[in-house]
C-alpha atoms as a PDB file:
ATOM      1  CA  UNK A   1    -119.523-167.263-135.807  1.00  0.00           C
ATOM      2  CA  UNK A   2    -120.244-166.875-139.861  1.00  0.00           C
ATOM      3  CA  UNK A   3    -123.753-168.445-140.956  1.00  0.00           C
ATOM      4  CA  UNK A   4    -122.838-169.212-144.462  1.00  0.00           C
ATOM      5  CA  UNK A   5    -126.654-169.020-145.676  1.00  0.00           C
ATOM      6  CA  UNK A   6    -127.508-166.099-144.195  1.00  0.00           C
ATOM      7  CA  UNK A   7    -123.568-164.130-144.875  1.00  0.00           C
ATOM      8  CA  UNK A   8    -124.481-162.674-141.402  1.00  0.00           C
ATOM      9  CA  UNK A   9    -121.388-162.874-138.281  1.00  0.00           C
ATOM     10  CA  UNK A  10    -121.943-162.653-135.124  1.00  0.00           C
ATOM     11  CA  UNK A  11    -120.275-162.458-131.625  1.00  0.00           C
ATOM     12  CA  UNK A  12    -120.193-166.329-131.253  1.00  0.00           C
ATOM     13  CA  UNK A  13    -122.886-169.351-132.616  1.00  0.00           C
ATOM     14  CA  UNK A  14    -124.987-168.583-129.131  1.00  0.00           C
ATOM     15  CA  UNK A  15    -124.650-164.717-128.436  1.00  0.00           C
ATOM     16  CA  UNK A  16    -126.364-162.155-130.924  1.00  0.00           C
ATOM     17  CA  UNK A  17    -125.279-158.743-129.008  1.00  0.00           C
ATOM     18  CA  UNK A  18    -123.414-156.166-131.003  1.00  0.00           C
ATOM     19  CA  UNK A  19    -120.744-153.555-129.440  1.00  0.00           C
ATOM     20  CA  UNK A  20    -123.616-150.833-129.479  1.00  0.00           C
ATOM     21  CA  UNK A  21    -125.702-152.545-127.021  1.00  0.00           C
ATOM     22  CA  UNK A  22    -128.122-153.794-130.043  1.00  0.00           C
ATOM     23  CA  UNK A  23    -128.890-157.303-131.127  1.00  0.00           C
ATOM     24  CA  UNK A  24    -128.098-158.590-134.294  1.00  0.00           C
ATOM     25  CA  UNK A  25    -125.319-159.965-136.311  1.00  0.00           C
ATOM     26  CA  UNK A  26    -121.869-157.579-135.622  1.00  0.00           C
ATOM     27  CA  UNK A  27    -120.561-157.352-139.277  1.00  0.00           C
ATOM     28  CA  UNK A  28    -121.866-159.177-142.378  1.00  0.00           C
ATOM     29  CA  UNK A  29    -120.015-160.926-145.595  1.00  0.00           C
ATOM     30  CA  UNK A  30    -119.767-157.247-147.412  1.00  0.00           C
ATOM     31  CA  UNK A  31    -119.043-155.382-143.918  1.00  0.00           C
ATOM     32  CA  UNK A  32    -116.944-158.107-142.308  1.00  0.00           C
ATOM     33  CA  UNK A  33    -113.358-156.297-143.476  1.00  0.00           C
ATOM     34  CA  UNK A  34    -114.685-153.099-142.546  1.00  0.00           C
ATOM     35  CA  UNK A  35    -115.247-154.403-138.858  1.00  0.00           C
ATOM     36  CA  UNK A  36    -112.157-156.141-138.644  1.00  0.00           C
ATOM     37  CA  UNK A  37    -110.289-153.228-139.544  1.00  0.00           C
ATOM     38  CA  UNK A  38    -112.360-151.235-136.856  1.00  0.00           C
ATOM     39  CA  UNK A  39    -111.463-153.906-134.397  1.00  0.00           C
ATOM     40  CA  UNK A  40    -107.782-153.406-135.045  1.00  0.00           C
ATOM     41  CA  UNK A  41    -107.681-149.692-134.900  1.00  0.00           C
ATOM     42  CA  UNK A  42    -109.888-149.628-131.358  1.00  0.00           C
ATOM     43  CA  UNK A  43    -107.067-151.853-130.583  1.00  0.00           C
ATOM     44  CA  UNK A  44    -104.143-149.840-131.596  1.00  0.00           C
ATOM     45  CA  UNK A  45    -105.360-146.705-130.044  1.00  0.00           C
ATOM     46  CA  UNK A  46    -105.786-148.830-126.663  1.00  0.00           C
ATOM     47  CA  UNK A  47    -109.621-148.261-126.228  1.00  0.00           C
ATOM     48  CA  UNK A  48    -110.739-152.007-126.049  1.00  0.00           C
ATOM     49  CA  UNK A  49    -114.377-153.322-127.196  1.00  0.00           C
ATOM     50  CA  UNK A  50    -116.387-153.887-124.662  1.00  0.00           C
ATOM     51  CA  UNK A  51    -119.604-156.011-124.499  1.00  0.00           C
ATOM     52  CA  UNK A  52    -123.262-155.377-122.612  1.00  0.00           C
ATOM     53  CA  UNK A  53    -125.488-158.058-122.945  1.00  0.00           C
ATOM     54  CA  UNK A  54    -128.715-156.877-123.762  1.00  0.00           C
ATOM     55  CA  UNK A  55    -130.660-160.105-124.186  1.00  0.00           C
ATOM     56  CA  UNK A  56    -133.236-161.409-121.403  1.00  0.00           C
ATOM     57  CA  UNK A  57    -132.204-164.941-121.343  1.00  0.00           C
ATOM     58  CA  UNK A  58    -128.098-165.937-121.179  1.00  0.00           C
ATOM     59  CA  UNK A  59    -127.631-168.074-124.154  1.00  0.00           C
ATOM     60  CA  UNK A  60    -124.006-168.518-124.446  1.00  0.00           C
ATOM     61  CA  UNK A  61    -122.413-169.083-120.843  1.00  0.00           C
ATOM     62  CA  UNK A  62    -120.061-165.636-121.222  1.00  0.00           C
ATOM     63  CA  UNK A  63    -122.050-163.491-118.895  1.00  0.00           C
ATOM     64  CA  UNK A  64    -122.060-165.381-115.774  1.00  0.00           C
ATOM     65  CA  UNK A  65    -118.879-164.846-114.135  1.00  0.00           C
ATOM     66  CA  UNK A  66    -119.937-161.201-114.177  1.00  0.00           C
ATOM     67  CA  UNK A  67    -122.586-161.777-111.689  1.00  0.00           C
ATOM     68  CA  UNK A  68    -122.649-159.679-108.566  1.00  0.00           C
ATOM     69  CA  UNK A  69    -123.563-162.461-105.999  1.00  0.00           C
ATOM     70  CA  UNK A  70    -122.497-165.742-105.990  1.00  0.00           C
ATOM     71  CA  UNK A  71    -125.452-167.843-106.083  1.00  0.00           C
ATOM     72  CA  UNK A  72    -126.545-165.944-108.715  1.00  0.00           C
ATOM     73  CA  UNK A  73    -123.048-167.362-110.735  1.00  0.00           C
ATOM     74  CA  UNK A  74    -124.016-171.021-109.037  1.00  0.00           C
ATOM     75  CA  UNK A  75    -127.506-170.741-110.523  1.00  0.00           C
ATOM     76  CA  UNK A  76    -126.447-169.434-113.817  1.00  0.00           C
ATOM     77  CA  UNK A  77    -123.001-171.946-114.076  1.00  0.00           C
ATOM     78  CA  UNK A  78    -125.434-175.518-113.311  1.00  0.00           C
ATOM     79  CA  UNK A  79    -126.649-174.696-117.102  1.00  0.00           C
ATOM     80  CA  UNK A  80    -123.429-175.896-117.868  1.00  0.00           C
ATOM     81  CA  UNK A  81    -121.569-177.315-114.944  1.00  0.00           C
ATOM     82  CA  UNK A  82    -122.375-178.955-112.102  1.00  0.00           C
ATOM     83  CA  UNK A  83    -122.691-176.662-109.013  1.00  0.00           C
ATOM     84  CA  UNK A  84    -119.316-178.838-107.479  1.00  0.00           C
ATOM     85  CA  UNK A  85    -117.952-177.504-110.966  1.00  0.00           C
ATOM     86  CA  UNK A  86    -119.135-174.024-110.162  1.00  0.00           C
ATOM     87  CA  UNK A  87    -118.067-173.582-107.000  1.00  0.00           C
ATOM     88  CA  UNK A  88    -114.576-174.848-107.863  1.00  0.00           C
ATOM     89  CA  UNK A  89    -114.564-172.403-110.884  1.00  0.00           C
ATOM     90  CA  UNK A  90    -114.466-169.550-107.701  1.00  0.00           C
ATOM     91  CA  UNK A  91    -112.369-170.696-105.540  1.00  0.00           C
END
């Protein structure tokens, strides 16, 4: 996601996690071309970039499917869906 005020790019509108395990912008307006080239090189080398969330509170819902226990997933998915919807997602 691009923020035209700050000229920062983030993973998405709610997630501020970077590939190095820190939070902040993934690139700036000046470094975005370099970031894109880096991602292309990783993909060419068959090294898919992996992001590990370091935020204490989930702001985007992306991590919900990574829950170890179904009940945790249901609890997280309630933020975005009904509990029935979350159970249908898993079944």
